[in-house]
All heavy atoms as atom14 arrays in JSON, in Angstrom:
{
  "sequence": "SRGIIGAMSLLIAVSILIRPASYIFIVVLAACAAIQFINEQHRTRLA",
  "atom14_mask": [
    [1, 1, 1, 1, 1, 1, 0, 0, 0, 0, 0, 0, 0, 0],
    [1, 1, 1, 1, 1, 1, 1, 1, 1, 1, 1, 0, 0, 0],
    [1, 1, 1, 1, 0, 0, 0, 0, 0, 0, 0, 0, 0, 0],
    [1, 1, 1, 1, 1, 1, 1, 1, 0, 0, 0, 0, 0, 0],
    [1, 1, 1, 1, 1, 1, 1, 1, 0, 0, 0, 0, 0, 0],
    [1, 1, 1, 1, 0, 0, 0, 0, 0, 0, 0, 0, 0, 0],
    [1, 1, 1, 1, 1, 0, 0, 0, 0, 0, 0, 0, 0, 0],
    [1, 1, 1, 1, 1, 1, 1, 1, 0, 0, 0, 0, 0, 0],
    [1, 1, 1, 1, 1, 1, 0, 0, 0, 0, 0, 0, 0, 0],
    [1, 1, 1, 1, 1, 1, 1, 1, 0, 0, 0, 0, 0, 0],
    [1, 1, 1, 1, 1, 1, 1, 1, 0, 0, 0, 0, 0, 0],
    [1, 1, 1, 1, 1, 1, 1, 1, 0, 0, 0, 0, 0, 0],
    [1, 1, 1, 1, 1, 0, 0, 0, 0, 0, 0, 0, 0, 0],
    [1, 1, 1, 1, 1, 1, 1, 0, 0, 0, 0, 0, 0, 0],
    [1, 1, 1, 1, 1, 1, 0, 0, 0, 0, 0, 0, 0, 0],
    [1, 1, 1, 1, 1, 1, 1, 1, 0, 0, 0, 0, 0, 0],
    [1, 1, 1, 1, 1, 1, 1, 1, 0, 0, 0, 0, 0, 0],
    [1, 1, 1, 1, 1, 1, 1, 1, 0, 0, 0, 0, 0, 0],
    [1, 1, 1, 1, 1, 1, 1, 1, 1, 1, 1, 0, 0, 0],
    [1, 1, 1, 1, 1, 1, 1, 0, 0, 0, 0, 0, 0, 0],
    [1, 1, 1, 1, 1, 0, 0, 0, 0, 0, 0, 0, 0, 0],
    [1, 1, 1, 1, 1, 1, 0, 0, 0, 0, 0, 0, 0, 0],
    [1, 1, 1, 1, 1, 1, 1, 1, 1, 1, 1, 1, 0, 0],
    [1, 1, 1, 1, 1, 1, 1, 1, 0, 0, 0, 0, 0, 0],
    [1, 1, 1, 1, 1, 1, 1, 1, 1, 1, 1, 0, 0, 0],
    [1, 1, 1, 1, 1, 1, 1, 1, 0, 0, 0, 0, 0, 0],
    [1, 1, 1, 1, 1, 1, 1, 0, 0, 0, 0, 0, 0, 0],
    [1, 1, 1, 1, 1, 1, 1, 0, 0, 0, 0, 0, 0, 0],
    [1, 1, 1, 1, 1, 1, 1, 1, 0, 0, 0, 0, 0, 0],
    [1, 1, 1, 1, 1, 0, 0, 0, 0, 0, 0, 0, 0, 0],
    [1, 1, 1, 1, 1, 0, 0, 0, 0, 0, 0, 0, 0, 0],
    [1, 1, 1, 1, 1, 1, 0, 0, 0, 0, 0, 0, 0, 0],
    [1, 1, 1, 1, 1, 0, 0, 0, 0, 0, 0, 0, 0, 0],
    [1, 1, 1, 1, 1, 0, 0, 0, 0, 0, 0, 0, 0, 0],
    [1, 1, 1, 1, 1, 1, 1, 1, 0, 0, 0, 0, 0, 0],
    [1, 1, 1, 1, 1, 1, 1, 1, 1, 0, 0, 0, 0, 0],
    [1, 1, 1, 1, 1, 1, 1, 1, 1, 1, 1, 0, 0, 0],
    [1, 1, 1, 1, 1, 1, 1, 1, 0, 0, 0, 0, 0, 0],
    [1, 1, 1, 1, 1, 1, 1, 1, 0, 0, 0, 0, 0, 0],
    [1, 1, 1, 1, 1, 1, 1, 1, 1, 0, 0, 0, 0, 0],
    [1, 1, 1, 1, 1, 1, 1, 1, 1, 0, 0, 0, 0, 0],
    [1, 1, 1, 1, 1, 1, 1, 1, 1, 1, 0, 0, 0, 0],
    [1, 1, 1, 1, 1, 1, 1, 1, 1, 1, 1, 0, 0, 0],
    [1, 1, 1, 1, 1, 1, 1, 0, 0, 0, 0, 0, 0, 0],
    [1, 1, 1, 1, 1, 1, 1, 1, 1, 1, 1, 0, 0, 0],
    [1, 1, 1, 1, 1, 1, 1, 1, 0, 0, 0, 0, 0, 0],
    [1, 1, 1, 1, 1, 0, 0, 0, 0, 0, 0, 0, 0, 0]
  ],
  "atom14_positions": [
    [[4.14, 8.56, -4.64], [4.57, 7.83, -5.83], [4.18, 6.36, -5.7], [3.91, 5.87, -4.6], [6.08, 7.94, -6.02], [6.77, 7.2, -5.02], [0.0, 0.0, 0.0], [0.0, 0.0, 0.0], [0.0, 0.0, 0.0], [0.0, 0.0, 0.0], [0.0, 0.0, 0.0], [0.0, 0.0, 0.0], [0.0, 0.0, 0.0], [0.0, 0.0, 0.0]],
    [[4.17, 5.67, -6.84], [3.88, 4.23, -6.83], [4.96, 3.48, -6.08], [4.68, 2.48, -5.4], [3.81, 3.7, -8.27], [2.64, 4.21, -9.08], [2.45, 3.36, -10.34], [3.69, 3.27, -11.11], [4.02, 4.07, -12.12], [3.19, 5.07, -12.44], [5.13, 3.9, -12.78], [0.0, 0.0, 0.0], [0.0, 0.0, 0.0], [0.0, 0.0, 0.0]],
    [[6.2, 3.93, -6.21], [7.31, 3.23, -5.56], [7.15, 3.18, -4.05], [7.41, 2.15, -3.41], [0.0, 0.0, 0.0], [0.0, 0.0, 0.0], [0.0, 0.0, 0.0], [0.0, 0.0, 0.0], [0.0, 0.0, 0.0], [0.0, 0.0, 0.0], [0.0, 0.0, 0.0], [0.0, 0.0, 0.0], [0.0, 0.0, 0.0], [0.0, 0.0, 0.0]],
    [[6.73, 4.3, -3.46], [6.54, 4.33, -2.01], [5.39, 3.42, -1.6], [5.47, 2.71, -0.59], [6.28, 5.78, -1.53], [7.48, 6.66, -1.87], [6.02, 5.8, -0.03], [7.26, 8.13, -1.57], [0.0, 0.0, 0.0], [0.0, 0.0, 0.0], [0.0, 0.0, 0.0], [0.0, 0.0, 0.0], [0.0, 0.0, 0.0], [0.0, 0.0, 0.0]],
    [[4.33, 3.39, -2.41], [3.22, 2.49, -2.12], [3.68, 1.04, -2.18], [3.3, 0.21, -1.36], [2.06, 2.75, -3.11], [1.4, 4.09, -2.76], [1.04, 1.62, -3.07], [0.29, 4.5, -3.7], [0.0, 0.0, 0.0], [0.0, 0.0, 0.0], [0.0, 0.0, 0.0], [0.0, 0.0, 0.0], [0.0, 0.0, 0.0], [0.0, 0.0, 0.0]],
    [[4.53, 0.72, -3.14], [5.08, -0.63, -3.22], [5.92, -0.98, -2.0], [5.84, -2.09, -1.48], [0.0, 0.0, 0.0], [0.0, 0.0, 0.0], [0.0, 0.0, 0.0], [0.0, 0.0, 0.0], [0.0, 0.0, 0.0], [0.0, 0.0, 0.0], [0.0, 0.0, 0.0], [0.0, 0.0, 0.0], [0.0, 0.0, 0.0], [0.0, 0.0, 0.0]],
    [[6.72, -0.02, -1.54], [7.52, -0.24, -0.34], [6.64, -0.44, 0.88], [6.9, -1.3, 1.74], [8.47, 0.94, -0.13], [0.0, 0.0, 0.0], [0.0, 0.0, 0.0], [0.0, 0.0, 0.0], [0.0, 0.0, 0.0], [0.0, 0.0, 0.0], [0.0, 0.0, 0.0], [0.0, 0.0, 0.0], [0.0, 0.0, 0.0], [0.0, 0.0, 0.0]],
    [[5.57, 0.35, 0.99], [4.63, 0.19, 2.09], [3.95, -1.18, 2.04], [3.76, -1.83, 3.07], [3.58, 1.3, 2.05], [4.12, 2.69, 2.37], [2.87, 3.98, 2.17], [1.7, 3.5, 3.43], [0.0, 0.0, 0.0], [0.0, 0.0, 0.0], [0.0, 0.0, 0.0], [0.0, 0.0, 0.0], [0.0, 0.0, 0.0], [0.0, 0.0, 0.0]],
    [[3.58, -1.61, 0.84], [2.94, -2.92, 0.67], [3.85, -4.04, 1.16], [3.42, -4.94, 1.9], [2.6, -3.13, -0.81], [2.05, -4.41, -1.02], [0.0, 0.0, 0.0], [0.0, 0.0, 0.0], [0.0, 0.0, 0.0], [0.0, 0.0, 0.0], [0.0, 0.0, 0.0], [0.0, 0.0, 0.0], [0.0, 0.0, 0.0], [0.0, 0.0, 0.0]],
    [[5.13, -3.98, 0.78], [6.09, -4.99, 1.21], [6.29, -4.95, 2.72], [6.31, -5.99, 3.4], [7.42, -4.78, 0.49], [8.54, -5.77, 0.82], [8.15, -7.18, 0.4], [9.84, -5.35, 0.14], [0.0, 0.0, 0.0], [0.0, 0.0, 0.0], [0.0, 0.0, 0.0], [0.0, 0.0, 0.0], [0.0, 0.0, 0.0], [0.0, 0.0, 0.0]],
    [[6.43, -3.75, 3.27], [6.66, -3.61, 4.7], [5.48, -4.11, 5.51], [5.65, -4.77, 6.54], [6.94, -2.14, 5.04], [7.11, -1.84, 6.53], [8.36, -2.53, 7.09], [7.18, -0.34, 6.78], [0.0, 0.0, 0.0], [0.0, 0.0, 0.0], [0.0, 0.0, 0.0], [0.0, 0.0, 0.0], [0.0, 0.0, 0.0], [0.0, 0.0, 0.0]],
    [[4.26, -3.81, 5.06], [3.07, -4.28, 5.78], [3.01, -5.8, 5.77], [2.64, -6.43, 6.77], [1.8, -3.66, 5.17], [1.76, -2.16, 5.5], [0.54, -4.35, 5.7], [0.66, -1.4, 4.78], [0.0, 0.0, 0.0], [0.0, 0.0, 0.0], [0.0, 0.0, 0.0], [0.0, 0.0, 0.0], [0.0, 0.0, 0.0], [0.0, 0.0, 0.0]],
    [[3.39, -6.42, 4.66], [3.42, -7.88, 4.6], [4.42, -8.45, 5.6], [4.12, -9.42, 6.31], [3.78, -8.35, 3.18], [0.0, 0.0, 0.0], [0.0, 0.0, 0.0], [0.0, 0.0, 0.0], [0.0, 0.0, 0.0], [0.0, 0.0, 0.0], [0.0, 0.0, 0.0], [0.0, 0.0, 0.0], [0.0, 0.0, 0.0], [0.0, 0.0, 0.0]],
    [[5.61, -7.85, 5.67], [6.6, -8.29, 6.65], [6.06, -8.1, 8.06], [6.24, -8.98, 8.94], [7.92, -7.51, 6.46], [8.9, -7.83, 7.58], [8.55, -7.84, 5.11], [0.0, 0.0, 0.0], [0.0, 0.0, 0.0], [0.0, 0.0, 0.0], [0.0, 0.0, 0.0], [0.0, 0.0, 0.0], [0.0, 0.0, 0.0], [0.0, 0.0, 0.0]],
    [[5.38, -6.98, 8.3], [4.81, -6.71, 9.62], [3.75, -7.75, 9.98], [3.64, -8.16, 11.14], [4.18, -5.31, 9.65], [5.14, -4.33, 9.38], [0.0, 0.0, 0.0], [0.0, 0.0, 0.0], [0.0, 0.0, 0.0], [0.0, 0.0, 0.0], [0.0, 0.0, 0.0], [0.0, 0.0, 0.0], [0.0, 0.0, 0.0], [0.0, 0.0, 0.0]],
    [[2.96, -8.17, 9.01], [1.94, -9.2, 9.25], [2.6, -10.5, 9.66], [2.1, -11.21, 10.56], [1.07, -9.39, 8.0], [0.19, -8.16, 7.77], [0.21, -10.65, 8.12], [-0.52, -8.14, 6.43], [0.0, 0.0, 0.0], [0.0, 0.0, 0.0], [0.0, 0.0, 0.0], [0.0, 0.0, 0.0], [0.0, 0.0, 0.0], [0.0, 0.0, 0.0]],
    [[3.72, -10.84, 9.03], [4.43, -12.06, 9.4], [5.03, -11.96, 10.79], [5.22, -12.98, 11.47], [5.52, -12.37, 8.37], [5.02, -12.66, 6.95], [6.19, -12.84, 5.99], [4.12, -13.88, 6.93], [0.0, 0.0, 0.0], [0.0, 0.0, 0.0], [0.0, 0.0, 0.0], [0.0, 0.0, 0.0], [0.0, 0.0, 0.0], [0.0, 0.0, 0.0]],
    [[5.35, -10.74, 11.22], [5.84, -10.54, 12.58], [4.69, -10.61, 13.58], [4.76, -11.29, 14.59], [6.53, -9.17, 12.71], [7.79, -9.13, 11.83], [6.91, -8.88, 14.17], [8.42, -7.75, 11.73], [0.0, 0.0, 0.0], [0.0, 0.0, 0.0], [0.0, 0.0, 0.0], [0.0, 0.0, 0.0], [0.0, 0.0, 0.0], [0.0, 0.0, 0.0]],
    [[3.6, -9.9, 13.24], [2.42, -9.86, 14.13], [1.18, -9.68, 13.25], [1.04, -8.66, 12.58], [2.55, -8.73, 15.14], [1.4, -8.66, 16.12], [1.61, -7.57, 17.15], [2.57, -7.98, 18.17], [2.89, -7.2, 19.21], [2.36, -6.01, 19.34], [3.76, -7.63, 20.11], [0.0, 0.0, 0.0], [0.0, 0.0, 0.0], [0.0, 0.0, 0.0]],
    [[0.24, -10.64, 13.28], [-0.94, -10.58, 12.4], [-1.8, -9.34, 12.57], [-2.58, -9.0, 11.68], [-1.72, -11.85, 12.77], [-0.68, -12.79, 13.29], [0.33, -11.92, 14.0], [0.0, 0.0, 0.0], [0.0, 0.0, 0.0], [0.0, 0.0, 0.0], [0.0, 0.0, 0.0], [0.0, 0.0, 0.0], [0.0, 0.0, 0.0], [0.0, 0.0, 0.0]],
    [[-1.69, -8.63, 13.7], [-2.46, -7.39, 13.89], [-2.15, -6.38, 12.8], [-2.94, -5.45, 12.56], [-2.16, -6.8, 15.26], [0.0, 0.0, 0.0], [0.0, 0.0, 0.0], [0.0, 0.0, 0.0], [0.0, 0.0, 0.0], [0.0, 0.0, 0.0], [0.0, 0.0, 0.0], [0.0, 0.0, 0.0], [0.0, 0.0, 0.0], [0.0, 0.0, 0.0]],
    [[-1.03, -6.55, 12.1], [-0.64, -5.61, 11.05], [-1.56, -5.66, 9.83], [-1.46, -4.79, 8.95], [0.8, -5.89, 10.6], [1.7, -5.7, 11.66], [0.0, 0.0, 0.0], [0.0, 0.0, 0.0], [0.0, 0.0, 0.0], [0.0, 0.0, 0.0], [0.0, 0.0, 0.0], [0.0, 0.0, 0.0], [0.0, 0.0, 0.0], [0.0, 0.0, 0.0]],
    [[-2.44, -6.65, 9.76], [-3.41, -6.65, 8.68], [-4.2, -5.34, 8.64], [-4.63, -4.89, 7.58], [-4.39, -7.82, 8.84], [-3.91, -9.12, 8.24], [-3.57, -10.2, 9.05], [-3.82, -9.27, 6.85], [-3.14, -11.4, 8.51], [-3.39, -10.47, 6.29], [-3.05, -11.53, 7.13], [-2.62, -12.71, 6.58], [0.0, 0.0, 0.0], [0.0, 0.0, 0.0]],
    [[-4.38, -4.72, 9.8], [-5.16, -3.49, 9.87], [-4.48, -2.35, 9.11], [-5.14, -1.41, 8.67], [-5.4, -3.1, 11.34], [-6.55, -2.08, 11.45], [-4.14, -2.53, 11.97], [-7.89, -2.59, 10.99], [0.0, 0.0, 0.0], [0.0, 0.0, 0.0], [0.0, 0.0, 0.0], [0.0, 0.0, 0.0], [0.0, 0.0, 0.0], [0.0, 0.0, 0.0]],
    [[-3.16, -2.44, 8.92], [-2.46, -1.37, 8.21], [-2.74, -1.37, 6.71], [-2.36, -0.44, 6.01], [-0.96, -1.47, 8.47], [-0.58, -1.31, 9.91], [0.43, -2.07, 10.48], [-1.26, -0.41, 10.72], [0.78, -1.92, 11.82], [-0.93, -0.26, 12.06], [0.09, -1.02, 12.6], [0.0, 0.0, 0.0], [0.0, 0.0, 0.0], [0.0, 0.0, 0.0]],
    [[-3.42, -2.41, 6.23], [-3.85, -2.41, 4.84], [-4.82, -1.25, 4.6], [-4.92, -0.72, 3.49], [-4.5, -3.76, 4.48], [-3.43, -4.88, 4.51], [-5.15, -3.73, 3.1], [-3.97, -6.26, 4.27], [0.0, 0.0, 0.0], [0.0, 0.0, 0.0], [0.0, 0.0, 0.0], [0.0, 0.0, 0.0], [0.0, 0.0, 0.0], [0.0, 0.0, 0.0]],
    [[-5.52, -0.82, 5.66], [-6.4, 0.35, 5.56], [-5.59, 1.59, 5.17], [-6.02, 2.38, 4.32], [-7.13, 0.58, 6.91], [-7.91, 1.88, 6.88], [-8.04, -0.59, 7.23], [0.0, 0.0, 0.0], [0.0, 0.0, 0.0], [0.0, 0.0, 0.0], [0.0, 0.0, 0.0], [0.0, 0.0, 0.0], [0.0, 0.0, 0.0], [0.0, 0.0, 0.0]],
    [[-4.42, 1.75, 5.78], [-3.56, 2.88, 5.47], [-3.03, 2.76, 4.04], [-2.97, 3.75, 3.29], [-2.39, 2.98, 6.47], [-1.5, 4.16, 6.14], [-2.92, 3.08, 7.89], [0.0, 0.0, 0.0], [0.0, 0.0, 0.0], [0.0, 0.0, 0.0], [0.0, 0.0, 0.0], [0.0, 0.0, 0.0], [0.0, 0.0, 0.0], [0.0, 0.0, 0.0]],
    [[-2.64, 1.56, 3.65], [-2.17, 1.31, 2.29], [-3.25, 1.66, 1.28], [-2.98, 2.3, 0.25], [-1.75, -0.15, 2.13], [-1.28, -0.59, 0.75], [0.0, 0.12, 0.37], [-1.08, -2.11, 0.71], [0.0, 0.0, 0.0], [0.0, 0.0, 0.0], [0.0, 0.0, 0.0], [0.0, 0.0, 0.0], [0.0, 0.0, 0.0], [0.0, 0.0, 0.0]],
    [[-4.48, 1.27, 1.58], [-5.6, 1.57, 0.68], [-5.83, 3.07, 0.59], [-6.13, 3.6, -0.5], [-6.87, 0.87, 1.17], [0.0, 0.0, 0.0], [0.0, 0.0, 0.0], [0.0, 0.0, 0.0], [0.0, 0.0, 0.0], [0.0, 0.0, 0.0], [0.0, 0.0, 0.0], [0.0, 0.0, 0.0], [0.0, 0.0, 0.0], [0.0, 0.0, 0.0]],
    [[-5.7, 3.78, 1.7], [-5.87, 5.24, 1.69], [-4.81, 5.91, 0.83], [-5.1, 6.83, 0.06], [-5.83, 5.77, 3.12], [0.0, 0.0, 0.0], [0.0, 0.0, 0.0], [0.0, 0.0, 0.0], [0.0, 0.0, 0.0], [0.0, 0.0, 0.0], [0.0, 0.0, 0.0], [0.0, 0.0, 0.0], [0.0, 0.0, 0.0], [0.0, 0.0, 0.0]],
    [[-3.57, 5.44, 0.96], [-2.48, 6.0, 0.13], [-2.72, 5.71, -1.35], [-2.5, 6.58, -2.21], [-1.14, 5.43, 0.58], [-0.61, 5.97, 2.22], [0.0, 0.0, 0.0], [0.0, 0.0, 0.0], [0.0, 0.0, 0.0], [0.0, 0.0, 0.0], [0.0, 0.0, 0.0], [0.0, 0.0, 0.0], [0.0, 0.0, 0.0], [0.0, 0.0, 0.0]],
    [[-3.17, 4.49, -1.64], [-3.45, 4.13, -3.03], [-4.58, 4.98, -3.6], [-4.54, 5.38, -4.77], [-3.8, 2.65, -3.13], [0.0, 0.0, 0.0], [0.0, 0.0, 0.0], [0.0, 0.0, 0.0], [0.0, 0.0, 0.0], [0.0, 0.0, 0.0], [0.0, 0.0, 0.0], [0.0, 0.0, 0.0], [0.0, 0.0, 0.0], [0.0, 0.0, 0.0]],
    [[-5.58, 5.28, -2.76], [-6.7, 6.12, -3.21], [-6.22, 7.54, -3.52], [-6.66, 8.16, -4.49], [-7.79, 6.14, -2.15], [0.0, 0.0, 0.0], [0.0, 0.0, 0.0], [0.0, 0.0, 0.0], [0.0, 0.0, 0.0], [0.0, 0.0, 0.0], [0.0, 0.0, 0.0], [0.0, 0.0, 0.0], [0.0, 0.0, 0.0], [0.0, 0.0, 0.0]],
    [[-5.31, 8.05, -2.69], [-4.76, 9.39, -2.94], [-3.97, 9.4, -4.25], [-4.11, 10.31, -5.08], [-3.85, 9.81, -1.77], [-4.68, 10.0, -0.5], [-3.08, 11.08, -2.1], [-3.85, 10.21, 0.75], [0.0, 0.0, 0.0], [0.0, 0.0, 0.0], [0.0, 0.0, 0.0], [0.0, 0.0, 0.0], [0.0, 0.0, 0.0], [0.0, 0.0, 0.0]],
    [[-3.14, 8.37, -4.47], [-2.33, 8.3, -5.68], [-3.18, 8.06, -6.92], [-2.84, 8.5, -8.02], [-1.3, 7.17, -5.52], [-0.32, 7.02, -6.67], [0.63, 8.21, -6.8], [0.75, 9.01, -5.87], [1.29, 8.32, -7.94], [0.0, 0.0, 0.0], [0.0, 0.0, 0.0], [0.0, 0.0, 0.0], [0.0, 0.0, 0.0], [0.0, 0.0, 0.0]],
    [[-4.31, 7.37, -6.73], [-5.18, 7.0, -7.85], [-5.69, 8.23, -8.6], [-5.88, 8.2, -9.82], [-6.36, 6.18, -7.31], [-7.31, 5.71, -8.37], [-7.06, 4.54, -9.08], [-8.47, 6.42, -8.66], [-7.93, 4.1, -10.06], [-9.35, 5.99, -9.65], [-9.08, 4.82, -10.34], [0.0, 0.0, 0.0], [0.0, 0.0, 0.0], [0.0, 0.0, 0.0]],
    [[-5.91, 9.32, -7.86], [-6.51, 10.52, -8.45], [-5.65, 11.08, -9.58], [-6.16, 11.45, -10.64], [-6.74, 11.59, -7.36], [-7.71, 11.07, -6.3], [-7.25, 12.9, -7.98], [-7.85, 11.99, -5.1], [0.0, 0.0, 0.0], [0.0, 0.0, 0.0], [0.0, 0.0, 0.0], [0.0, 0.0, 0.0], [0.0, 0.0, 0.0], [0.0, 0.0, 0.0]],
    [[-4.35, 11.13, -9.36], [-3.45, 11.74, -10.34], [-2.6, 10.73, -11.09], [-1.67, 11.1, -11.81], [-2.53, 12.75, -9.65], [-3.31, 13.87, -8.98], [-4.25, 14.41, -9.55], [-2.91, 14.23, -7.76], [0.0, 0.0, 0.0], [0.0, 0.0, 0.0], [0.0, 0.0, 0.0], [0.0, 0.0, 0.0], [0.0, 0.0, 0.0], [0.0, 0.0, 0.0]],
    [[-2.9, 9.46, -10.92], [-2.09, 8.41, -11.53], [-2.52, 8.15, -12.97], [-3.72, 7.97, -13.25], [-2.21, 7.12, -10.72], [-1.42, 5.95, -11.26], [0.08, 6.2, -11.28], [0.61, 6.65, -10.25], [0.7, 5.93, -12.32], [0.0, 0.0, 0.0], [0.0, 0.0, 0.0], [0.0, 0.0, 0.0], [0.0, 0.0, 0.0], [0.0, 0.0, 0.0]],
    [[-1.55, 8.12, -13.89], [-1.86, 7.82, -15.28], [-1.87, 6.31, -15.54], [-2.68, 5.81, -16.29], [-0.82, 8.49, -16.19], [-0.87, 10.01, -16.15], [0.16, 10.64, -17.07], [1.1, 9.98, -17.52], [-0.01, 11.94, -17.34], [0.0, 0.0, 0.0], [0.0, 0.0, 0.0], [0.0, 0.0, 0.0], [0.0, 0.0, 0.0], [0.0, 0.0, 0.0]],
    [[-0.97, 5.59, -14.88], [-0.87, 4.14, -15.08], [-1.49, 3.43, -13.87], [-0.8, 2.97, -12.97], [0.59, 3.73, -15.26], [1.29, 4.47, -16.37], [1.06, 4.2, -17.7], [2.2, 5.49, -16.33], [1.82, 5.01, -18.44], [2.51, 5.8, -17.64], [0.0, 0.0, 0.0], [0.0, 0.0, 0.0], [0.0, 0.0, 0.0], [0.0, 0.0, 0.0]],
    [[-2.8, 3.37, -13.84], [-3.5, 2.86, -12.66], [-3.35, 1.36, -12.48], [-3.43, 0.86, -11.36], [-4.97, 3.26, -12.73], [-5.15, 4.77, -12.54], [-6.56, 5.25, -12.72], [-6.66, 6.68, -12.41], [-7.74, 7.41, -12.6], [-8.84, 6.85, -13.1], [-7.74, 8.7, -12.28], [0.0, 0.0, 0.0], [0.0, 0.0, 0.0], [0.0, 0.0, 0.0]],
    [[-3.13, 0.64, -13.57], [-2.87, -0.8, -13.45], [-1.56, -1.04, -12.72], [-1.45, -1.91, -11.86], [-2.84, -1.47, -14.83], [-4.09, -1.25, -15.49], [-2.59, -2.96, -14.7], [0.0, 0.0, 0.0], [0.0, 0.0, 0.0], [0.0, 0.0, 0.0], [0.0, 0.0, 0.0], [0.0, 0.0, 0.0], [0.0, 0.0, 0.0], [0.0, 0.0, 0.0]],
    [[-0.55, -0.24, -13.06], [0.74, -0.35, -12.37], [0.59, 0.01, -10.89], [1.22, -0.6, -10.03], [1.76, 0.58, -13.03], [2.12, 0.18, -14.45], [3.16, 1.14, -15.02], [3.44, 0.85, -16.42], [4.28, 1.56, -17.18], [4.92, 2.6, -16.64], [4.48, 1.23, -18.44], [0.0, 0.0, 0.0], [0.0, 0.0, 0.0], [0.0, 0.0, 0.0]],
    [[-0.24, 1.01, -10.62], [-0.48, 1.38, -9.23], [-1.08, 0.21, -8.45], [-0.65, -0.08, -7.32], [-1.43, 2.59, -9.17], [-1.95, 2.97, -7.77], [-0.8, 3.37, -6.86], [-2.98, 4.1, -7.89], [0.0, 0.0, 0.0], [0.0, 0.0, 0.0], [0.0, 0.0, 0.0], [0.0, 0.0, 0.0], [0.0, 0.0, 0.0], [0.0, 0.0, 0.0]],
    [[-2.05, -0.46, -9.05], [-2.68, -1.6, -8.39], [-1.66, -2.72, -8.14], [-1.66, -3.35, -7.07], [-3.84, -2.12, -9.24], [0.0, 0.0, 0.0], [0.0, 0.0, 0.0], [0.0, 0.0, 0.0], [0.0, 0.0, 0.0], [0.0, 0.0, 0.0], [0.0, 0.0, 0.0], [0.0, 0.0, 0.0], [0.0, 0.0, 0.0], [0.0, 0.0, 0.0]]
  ]
}
């Protein structure tokens, strides 16, 4: 769901502030967004 992607986005940002190595987890966020993109009707909201 979009909500889980939003939660992941927020958590990754917090993780980056804890340790900058967390920037790499944006790759995982992008993969989840790509999966959701296929069946998403409101793609602007997803972004």
